[in-house]
Amino acid sequence: MAEQPKSVGVLDSLPDHILCQILSFLPAKEAARTSVLSPRWRFFSNPNLLSLESFRVNDLWVNPDFSYDDDYLRIHGWICAALRRDVKEIVIFSIKKKDDLTSPALLFTSHTLVTLKLKINGVNDVPTNASLPNLKTLHFTFFEFLDGNSVLKLISSCPVLEDFAFIMCWFHKISELNIRSLSLKSLVLRWSFGAGFNSRRGYNAIKINAPNLVYFQYVNGMGEGCTLSEMKSLERAHIEIILMDNEDRERAANLLRGVCNVQSLYLAIEDDSETLFLAPLDPMPAFNSLVELEFRSKYTHDRQRTWIVEFIHRTPNLKTLILDLPSKSEGFESMPTIVPSCLLFQIKQIEIKHFEGEEPTFEMVSYFLKHGSVLEKLIIRDIKVCEEELSAVIEKLLSLPKESKKCEIVTPDYFH
């Protein structure tokens, strides 16, 4: 085998991330040709591992399934090379169980990045000089921040940020998670409900000042209070909460007050405390803009169906109601005698996701049909009864009296 030129040997001794940065300044075809100089250089021109063409189309997707010790610097080098080519979108997906798997500091000082999504299971630090002036999308997943205040400063250094997400993240050195942004249009905050996870979050309260939000998602226990500024532009909200005690109930009511301007609301409540459905709704404001409501609960409660009807008393302009409720054959309170105005004059479509033929749900469906003056469609998505009872259950549903002559009762077509 011919001996390598001395200059190639010197270059070959350089660290991976330095080589990668050097090659990043070459056109893609020229960079690929360098693979003949040394077998080691093939890593840098292999399109499955590093696509230099992708830098020119402003995309870099890193999903490393490499041995950590050998390739950590190489991955960093690729990322830095992409940034030096003015990449606009970077997505890093890595869930390796390494406490020292960190993100390059250069990621947080790019003037060209528009989208940055990082899913890295490890301890990370955001540099104090972080600045992403053109960033519009920023997602963190499984991040553990050494200094929680630094990432909050990062948000403030993104003047055009529109889409932001914290998903299963931990924070050190902060007591309050305070998110402020006038440019934000979408905000996602998702955590696990597990007690072990709760103890590692690192903060005691959440404050959000993002008055121009259009979409808000909050999935969390209510162990921490969540205070929202007025959000007059809010169109959609996705709320999933679990309640453990009376304090959680009060925090949940406060959270719902913060999204009262929403137009479409997905609301999932697991009330382990059994206090929310028993509590009066008098402090709850009116949801005057709400036109679509989806309510889900995994656990049964005697007043659950009654609570829903009481809740829609506060939704005078509701058009669509979707319910995903557990089954229970007895013990439910009767439906309220005072009918919500939205049921009388506004609601045009009601959807029941699961139906097991139990009497309380029959009573609820009958209540909706009896008072739904402008109801156009009542949909039963799934009927869970034995095959021998199915025909009788469907026949009973179709025979229920209806106030609206236009109302169509839609049941699953199991017979075709």
Protein backbone atom coordinates (compact mmCIF):
# COMPACT_ATOMS: atom_id res chain seq x y z
CA MET A 1 0.00 0.00 0.00
CA ALA A 2 1.30 3.42 -0.94
CA GLU A 3 2.46 5.61 1.90
CA GLN A 4 0.23 8.56 2.75
CA PRO A 5 1.62 12.05 2.04
CA LYS A 6 3.04 13.63 5.18
CA SER A 7 0.53 16.50 5.00
CA VAL A 8 -2.34 14.00 5.04
CA GLY A 9 -0.87 12.31 8.09
CA VAL A 10 -0.75 15.64 9.93
CA LEU A 11 -4.37 16.39 9.04
CA ASP A 12 -5.39 12.88 9.99
CA SER A 13 -4.06 13.47 13.49
CA LEU A 14 -6.47 16.34 14.08
CA PRO A 15 -9.55 15.80 16.27
CA ASP A 16 -12.78 14.87 14.51
CA HIS A 17 -14.57 18.12 15.26
CA ILE A 18 -11.67 20.16 13.81
CA LEU A 19 -11.61 18.04 10.64
CA CYS A 20 -15.34 18.42 10.31
CA GLN A 21 -15.10 22.18 10.58
CA ILE A 22 -12.36 22.27 7.92
CA LEU A 23 -14.42 20.12 5.53
CA SER A 24 -17.49 22.25 6.14
CA PHE A 25 -15.87 25.06 4.13
CA LEU A 26 -15.55 22.83 1.04
CA PRO A 27 -18.26 22.25 -1.56
CA ALA A 28 -20.11 18.99 -0.92
CA LYS A 29 -18.52 17.09 -3.83
CA GLU A 30 -15.01 18.16 -2.88
CA ALA A 31 -15.63 17.16 0.73
CA ALA A 32 -16.79 13.73 -0.40
CA ARG A 33 -13.60 13.22 -2.44
CA THR A 34 -11.47 13.60 0.69
CA SER A 35 -12.63 10.15 1.81
CA VAL A 36 -9.94 8.58 -0.43
CA LEU A 37 -7.20 10.22 1.64
CA SER A 38 -7.86 8.19 4.77
CA PRO A 39 -10.37 5.49 5.81
CA ARG A 40 -11.11 7.60 8.89
CA TRP A 41 -12.33 10.47 6.71
CA ARG A 42 -15.12 8.36 5.27
CA PHE A 43 -17.20 9.21 8.32
CA PHE A 44 -17.24 12.83 7.24
CA SER A 45 -18.46 12.19 3.69
CA ASN A 46 -20.90 9.35 4.41
CA PRO A 47 -24.35 10.80 3.64
CA ASN A 48 -25.92 8.57 6.25
CA LEU A 49 -23.82 10.19 8.95
CA LEU A 50 -23.23 13.71 7.68
CA SER A 51 -24.92 15.31 4.70
CA LEU A 52 -23.02 18.42 3.71
CA GLU A 53 -25.68 19.02 1.06
CA SER A 54 -28.13 19.36 3.90
CA PHE A 55 -26.21 22.37 5.17
CA ARG A 56 -26.92 24.19 1.92
CA VAL A 57 -30.65 23.41 2.15
CA ASN A 58 -30.52 24.51 5.77
CA ASP A 59 -31.40 21.24 7.49
CA LEU A 60 -29.44 19.05 9.90
CA TRP A 61 -31.08 16.08 11.60
CA VAL A 62 -28.94 14.22 14.11
CA ASN A 63 -30.25 10.97 15.58
CA PRO A 64 -27.06 9.41 16.94
CA ASP A 65 -26.90 5.70 17.61
CA PHE A 66 -23.18 5.68 18.10
CA SER A 67 -20.84 4.58 20.84
CA TYR A 68 -20.72 7.66 23.04
CA ASP A 69 -17.01 7.72 23.84
CA ASP A 70 -15.89 7.44 20.20
CA ASP A 71 -18.33 9.79 18.56
CA TYR A 72 -19.26 12.51 21.05
CA LEU A 73 -16.76 15.04 19.61
CA ARG A 74 -17.65 14.00 16.08
CA ILE A 75 -21.31 14.85 16.67
CA HIS A 76 -20.29 18.20 18.16
CA GLY A 77 -18.10 18.82 15.13
CA TRP A 78 -20.93 18.13 12.72
CA ILE A 79 -23.22 20.50 14.58
CA CYS A 80 -20.60 23.24 14.65
CA ALA A 81 -19.91 22.70 10.95
CA ALA A 82 -23.60 23.08 10.18
CA LEU A 83 -23.77 26.29 12.18
CA ARG A 84 -20.74 27.72 10.38
CA ARG A 85 -22.59 27.10 7.10
CA ASP A 86 -25.46 29.27 8.39
CA VAL A 87 -27.86 26.37 8.86
CA LYS A 88 -31.41 27.47 9.68
CA GLU A 89 -32.88 24.32 11.22
CA ILE A 90 -31.30 21.84 13.64
CA VAL A 91 -33.04 18.91 15.30
CA ILE A 92 -31.01 16.75 17.70
CA PHE A 93 -32.64 13.59 18.99
CA SER A 94 -30.62 11.63 21.54
CA ILE A 95 -31.92 9.79 24.60
CA LYS A 96 -28.71 8.08 25.63
CA LYS A 97 -28.40 7.69 29.39
CA LYS A 98 -25.29 9.82 29.77
CA ASP A 99 -25.19 12.53 32.41
CA ASP A 100 -22.50 14.39 30.50
CA LEU A 101 -24.18 14.39 27.09
CA THR A 102 -24.29 18.13 26.55
CA SER A 103 -25.19 20.44 23.71
CA PRO A 104 -22.54 22.67 22.06
CA ALA A 105 -22.52 26.24 23.36
CA LEU A 106 -22.38 27.46 19.75
CA LEU A 107 -25.99 26.30 19.35
CA PHE A 108 -27.16 29.20 21.48
CA THR A 109 -25.27 31.99 19.70
CA SER A 110 -26.34 31.42 16.09
CA HIS A 111 -27.63 34.39 14.12
CA THR A 112 -29.14 32.21 11.38
CA LEU A 113 -31.02 29.48 13.24
CA VAL A 114 -34.79 29.62 12.79
CA THR A 115 -35.67 26.22 14.30
CA LEU A 116 -33.89 24.45 17.17
CA LYS A 117 -35.27 21.24 18.70
CA LEU A 118 -33.14 19.44 21.28
CA LYS A 119 -34.01 16.11 22.88
CA ILE A 120 -30.98 15.32 25.00
CA ASN A 121 -31.10 13.34 28.21
CA GLY A 122 -28.34 14.91 30.24
CA VAL A 123 -27.16 17.91 32.24
CA ASN A 124 -26.84 21.00 30.07
CA ASP A 125 -25.81 24.59 30.48
CA VAL A 126 -26.94 27.57 28.43
CA PRO A 127 -24.10 30.10 28.01
CA THR A 128 -24.56 33.56 29.50
CA ASN A 129 -23.97 35.17 26.10
CA ALA A 130 -26.80 33.19 24.48
CA SER A 131 -28.49 35.04 21.64
CA LEU A 132 -30.68 33.66 18.86
CA PRO A 133 -32.06 36.75 17.12
CA ASN A 134 -33.79 34.90 14.24
CA LEU A 135 -35.06 31.87 16.13
CA LYS A 136 -38.80 31.19 15.79
CA THR A 137 -39.08 27.61 17.11
CA LEU A 138 -37.34 26.33 20.28
CA HIS A 139 -38.12 22.94 21.85
CA PHE A 140 -36.34 21.33 24.84
CA THR A 141 -37.05 17.69 25.77
CA PHE A 142 -35.48 15.75 28.68
CA PHE A 143 -33.14 18.65 29.40
CA GLU A 144 -31.69 19.15 32.86
CA PHE A 145 -30.57 22.77 33.11
CA LEU A 146 -27.68 23.53 35.46
CA ASP A 147 -28.88 27.10 35.75
CA GLY A 148 -32.59 27.54 35.19
CA ASN A 149 -32.25 31.32 35.05
CA SER A 150 -29.97 31.07 32.02
CA VAL A 151 -32.62 29.43 29.85
CA LEU A 152 -35.18 32.01 30.93
CA LYS A 153 -32.71 34.69 29.83
CA LEU A 154 -32.35 32.78 26.56
CA ILE A 155 -36.08 33.15 25.91
CA SER A 156 -35.80 36.90 26.38
CA SER A 157 -32.90 36.96 23.89
CA CYS A 158 -35.10 35.46 21.15
CA PRO A 159 -37.07 38.53 20.02
CA VAL A 160 -39.02 36.74 17.26
CA LEU A 161 -39.65 33.42 19.07
CA GLU A 162 -43.11 32.07 18.20
CA ASP A 163 -43.11 28.36 19.13
CA PHE A 164 -41.63 27.26 22.48
CA ALA A 165 -41.80 23.96 24.39
CA PHE A 166 -40.49 22.48 27.66
CA ILE A 167 -41.15 18.72 27.66
CA MET A 168 -40.07 16.68 30.69
CA CYS A 169 -37.35 19.14 31.74
CA TRP A 170 -35.61 19.78 35.07
CA PHE A 171 -34.21 23.02 36.45
CA HIS A 172 -31.60 23.99 39.03
CA LYS A 173 -31.12 27.29 40.87
CA ILE A 174 -34.63 28.65 40.31
CA SER A 175 -37.72 28.71 42.51
CA GLU A 176 -40.08 30.15 39.88
CA LEU A 177 -40.39 29.21 36.22
CA ASN A 178 -41.10 32.61 34.70
CA ILE A 179 -41.75 32.73 30.95
CA ARG A 180 -42.12 36.17 29.38
CA SER A 181 -42.47 36.84 25.67
CA LEU A 182 -44.53 39.20 23.55
CA SER A 183 -43.78 37.27 20.34
CA LEU A 184 -44.84 33.78 21.50
CA LYS A 185 -47.79 32.24 19.65
CA SER A 186 -47.47 28.61 20.81
CA LEU A 187 -46.36 27.41 24.26
CA VAL A 188 -46.15 23.76 25.37
CA LEU A 189 -45.35 22.75 28.97
CA ARG A 190 -45.49 18.98 29.52
CA TRP A 191 -44.40 17.01 32.57
CA SER A 192 -45.03 13.60 34.05
CA PHE A 193 -47.51 13.15 36.89
CA GLY A 194 -45.14 10.84 38.79
CA ALA A 195 -44.12 11.86 42.32
CA GLY A 196 -40.47 11.01 41.67
CA PHE A 197 -40.40 13.30 38.67
CA ASN A 198 -42.15 16.10 40.54
CA SER A 199 -39.40 16.22 43.17
CA ARG A 200 -36.74 16.90 40.51
CA ARG A 201 -38.32 19.79 38.64
CA GLY A 202 -36.62 22.38 40.78
CA TYR A 203 -39.24 25.14 40.91
CA ASN A 204 -42.25 25.92 43.09
CA ALA A 205 -44.39 28.09 40.82
CA ILE A 206 -44.98 28.89 37.15
CA LYS A 207 -45.71 32.37 35.82
CA ILE A 208 -46.48 32.99 32.17
CA ASN A 209 -46.66 36.41 30.59
CA ALA A 210 -47.30 35.80 26.89
CA PRO A 211 -50.31 37.90 25.96
CA ASN A 212 -50.21 37.04 22.25
CA LEU A 213 -50.41 33.25 22.61
CA VAL A 214 -52.65 31.49 20.10
CA TYR A 215 -52.03 27.92 21.38
CA PHE A 216 -51.27 26.80 24.96
CA GLN A 217 -50.66 23.24 26.16
CA TYR A 218 -50.23 22.41 29.84
CA VAL A 219 -49.81 18.81 31.04
CA ASN A 220 -48.85 18.64 34.70
CA GLY A 221 -49.89 17.99 38.23
CA MET A 222 -51.08 21.01 40.16
CA GLY A 223 -48.42 20.79 42.88
CA GLU A 224 -47.12 24.09 41.54
CA GLY A 225 -49.39 27.01 40.89
CA CYS A 226 -49.58 28.28 37.32
CA THR A 227 -50.40 31.96 36.90
CA LEU A 228 -51.25 33.25 33.44
CA SER A 229 -51.41 36.79 32.17
CA GLU A 230 -54.48 37.76 30.17
CA MET A 231 -54.35 36.07 26.77
CA LYS A 232 -56.91 37.74 24.53
CA SER A 233 -55.58 36.11 21.34
CA LEU A 234 -55.82 32.53 22.62
CA GLU A 235 -57.59 30.22 20.17
CA ARG A 236 -56.77 26.70 21.40
CA ALA A 237 -55.80 25.30 24.79
CA HIS A 238 -54.91 21.74 25.78
CA ILE A 239 -55.05 21.22 29.56
CA GLU A 240 -54.34 17.90 31.33
CA ILE A 241 -54.11 18.07 35.11
CA ILE A 242 -54.26 15.80 38.14
CA LEU A 243 -55.61 16.99 41.48
CA MET A 244 -54.43 15.56 44.79
CA ASP A 245 -55.95 17.91 47.40
CA ASN A 246 -57.96 21.10 48.01
CA GLU A 247 -55.00 23.33 47.18
CA ASP A 248 -54.71 21.62 43.81
CA ARG A 249 -58.40 22.34 43.16
CA GLU A 250 -57.87 26.05 43.80
CA ARG A 251 -54.82 26.09 41.54
CA ALA A 252 -56.77 24.30 38.81
CA ALA A 253 -59.57 26.87 39.01
CA ASN A 254 -56.96 29.63 38.74
CA LEU A 255 -55.43 27.97 35.67
CA LEU A 256 -58.82 27.70 33.96
CA ARG A 257 -59.50 31.35 34.68
CA GLY A 258 -56.30 32.14 32.81
CA VAL A 259 -57.55 30.49 29.59
CA CYS A 260 -61.14 31.79 29.72
CA ASN A 261 -60.71 33.64 26.40
CA VAL A 262 -60.01 30.43 24.49
CA GLN A 263 -62.09 29.34 21.49
CA SER A 264 -61.31 25.59 21.56
CA LEU A 265 -60.52 23.76 24.83
CA TYR A 266 -59.34 20.20 25.47
CA LEU A 267 -59.74 19.58 29.21
CA ALA A 268 -58.65 16.36 30.92
CA ILE A 269 -58.99 16.16 34.71
CA GLU A 270 -57.98 13.30 36.99
CA ASP A 271 -59.50 14.26 40.34
CA ASP A 272 -57.86 11.97 42.88
CA SER A 273 -58.83 14.47 45.56
CA GLU A 274 -62.54 14.11 44.67
CA THR A 275 -62.95 17.80 45.49
CA LEU A 276 -63.22 19.56 42.13
CA PHE A 277 -66.49 17.98 41.07
CA LEU A 278 -67.96 18.62 44.53
CA ALA A 279 -66.90 22.27 44.67
CA PRO A 280 -69.16 25.10 43.49
CA LEU A 281 -68.23 26.71 40.19
CA ASP A 282 -69.22 30.23 41.24
CA PRO A 283 -65.64 31.64 41.12
CA MET A 284 -65.26 30.35 37.54
CA PRO A 285 -65.54 33.08 34.87
CA ALA A 286 -67.59 32.79 31.69
CA PHE A 287 -65.90 31.29 28.63
CA ASN A 288 -67.67 33.64 26.23
CA SER A 289 -65.47 32.84 23.22
CA LEU A 290 -65.50 29.05 23.63
CA VAL A 291 -67.12 27.25 20.69
CA GLU A 292 -65.57 23.77 21.07
CA LEU A 293 -65.05 21.81 24.29
CA GLU A 294 -63.61 18.31 24.68
CA PHE A 295 -63.70 16.91 28.21
CA ARG A 296 -61.98 13.68 29.28
CA SER A 297 -61.70 11.92 32.61
CA LYS A 298 -60.29 8.50 33.43
CA TYR A 299 -61.93 8.06 36.84
CA THR A 300 -65.61 8.08 37.69
CA HIS A 301 -67.25 10.45 40.13
CA ASP A 302 -70.88 10.66 41.21
CA ARG A 303 -71.17 14.33 40.16
CA GLN A 304 -69.04 14.21 37.04
CA ARG A 305 -71.87 14.48 34.50
CA THR A 306 -73.65 17.10 36.62
CA TRP A 307 -70.40 19.10 36.85
CA ILE A 308 -70.07 19.10 33.05
CA VAL A 309 -73.57 20.51 32.62
CA GLU A 310 -72.83 23.13 35.28
CA PHE A 311 -69.59 24.00 33.49
CA ILE A 312 -71.28 24.60 30.12
CA HIS A 313 -73.57 27.09 31.86
CA ARG A 314 -70.43 29.24 31.56
CA THR A 315 -70.00 28.62 27.82
CA PRO A 316 -72.89 30.58 26.28
CA ASN A 317 -71.61 30.30 22.68
CA LEU A 318 -70.54 26.63 22.67
CA LYS A 319 -71.20 24.87 19.34
CA THR A 320 -69.47 21.49 19.77
CA LEU A 321 -69.23 19.29 22.88
CA ILE A 322 -67.08 16.13 22.98
CA LEU A 323 -67.14 13.83 26.02
CA ASP A 324 -64.78 10.96 26.87
CA LEU A 325 -66.00 9.61 30.20
CA PRO A 326 -65.58 6.35 32.12
CA SER A 327 -68.51 4.02 32.58
CA LYS A 328 -70.43 3.57 35.80
CA SER A 329 -73.76 1.77 36.11
CA GLU A 330 -75.06 3.48 39.24
CA GLY A 331 -74.45 6.22 41.80
CA PHE A 332 -74.57 9.23 39.49
CA GLU A 333 -76.60 12.29 40.35
CA SER A 334 -79.58 13.08 38.15
CA MET A 335 -79.06 15.68 35.44
CA PRO A 336 -79.70 19.31 36.50
CA THR A 337 -83.16 20.79 36.00
CA ILE A 338 -81.81 24.18 34.88
CA VAL A 339 -80.72 23.80 31.27
CA PRO A 340 -77.63 25.67 29.97
CA SER A 341 -78.49 28.34 27.42
CA CYS A 342 -75.89 26.99 24.99
CA LEU A 343 -77.71 23.64 24.89
CA LEU A 344 -80.99 25.38 24.17
CA PHE A 345 -79.74 27.80 21.52
CA GLN A 346 -76.15 27.12 20.38
CA ILE A 347 -74.85 23.54 20.48
CA LYS A 348 -75.08 21.86 17.09
CA GLN A 349 -72.95 18.76 17.62
CA ILE A 350 -72.36 16.47 20.60
CA GLU A 351 -69.98 13.51 20.51
CA ILE A 352 -69.82 10.69 23.06
CA LYS A 353 -66.55 8.80 22.55
CA HIS A 354 -67.32 5.69 24.61
CA PHE A 355 -70.70 4.23 25.49
CA GLU A 356 -71.24 1.00 27.42
CA GLY A 357 -75.02 1.01 27.59
CA GLU A 358 -75.20 2.00 31.27
CA GLU A 359 -78.26 3.91 32.46
CA PRO A 360 -76.50 7.14 33.60
CA THR A 361 -75.09 7.71 30.12
CA PHE A 362 -78.47 6.94 28.55
CA GLU A 363 -79.91 9.58 30.88
CA MET A 364 -77.25 12.10 29.82
CA VAL A 365 -77.79 11.44 26.10
CA SER A 366 -81.54 11.72 26.58
CA TYR A 367 -81.03 15.04 28.41
CA PHE A 368 -79.01 16.45 25.52
CA LEU A 369 -81.57 15.33 22.93
CA LYS A 370 -84.50 16.59 24.96
CA HIS A 371 -83.11 20.11 25.36
CA GLY A 372 -80.90 20.50 22.27
CA SER A 373 -83.21 22.77 20.31
CA VAL A 374 -80.72 23.42 17.48
CA LEU A 375 -78.79 20.15 17.75
CA GLU A 376 -77.91 18.78 14.31
CA LYS A 377 -75.87 15.71 15.16
CA LEU A 378 -75.29 13.45 18.17
CA ILE A 379 -72.44 11.01 17.53
CA ILE A 380 -71.66 7.84 19.48
CA ARG A 381 -68.13 6.82 18.47
CA ASP A 382 -67.85 3.45 20.19
CA ILE A 383 -70.40 1.19 21.87
CA LYS A 384 -68.86 -1.37 24.22
CA VAL A 385 -71.50 -4.01 24.90
CA CYS A 386 -71.66 -7.71 24.13
CA GLU A 387 -72.71 -8.62 20.60
CA GLU A 388 -76.09 -9.96 21.75
CA GLU A 389 -77.02 -6.58 23.27
CA LEU A 390 -75.64 -4.32 20.55
CA SER A 391 -78.74 -4.16 18.35
CA ALA A 392 -81.01 -3.42 21.31
CA VAL A 393 -78.72 -0.64 22.60
CA ILE A 394 -78.54 1.04 19.18
CA GLU A 395 -82.31 0.74 18.74
CA LYS A 396 -82.88 2.35 22.14
CA LEU A 397 -80.52 5.22 21.26
CA LEU A 398 -82.25 5.85 17.94
CA SER A 399 -85.67 5.86 19.58
CA LEU A 400 -84.86 8.55 22.17
CA PRO A 401 -87.09 11.63 21.77
CA LYS A 402 -85.46 14.69 20.17
CA GLU A 403 -86.34 18.35 20.49
CA SER A 404 -84.57 19.23 17.24
CA LYS A 405 -86.22 17.86 14.12
CA LYS A 406 -82.91 18.23 12.25
CA CYS A 407 -80.93 16.13 14.73
CA GLU A 408 -79.28 12.99 13.39
CA ILE A 409 -78.16 10.28 15.82
CA VAL A 410 -75.02 8.63 14.45
CA THR A 411 -73.96 5.23 15.81
CA PRO A 412 -71.04 2.98 14.80
CA ASP A 413 -71.75 0.79 11.80
CA TYR A 414 -70.81 -2.61 13.18
CA PHE A 415 -73.00 -4.58 10.80
CA HIS A 416 -71.37 -3.78 7.45
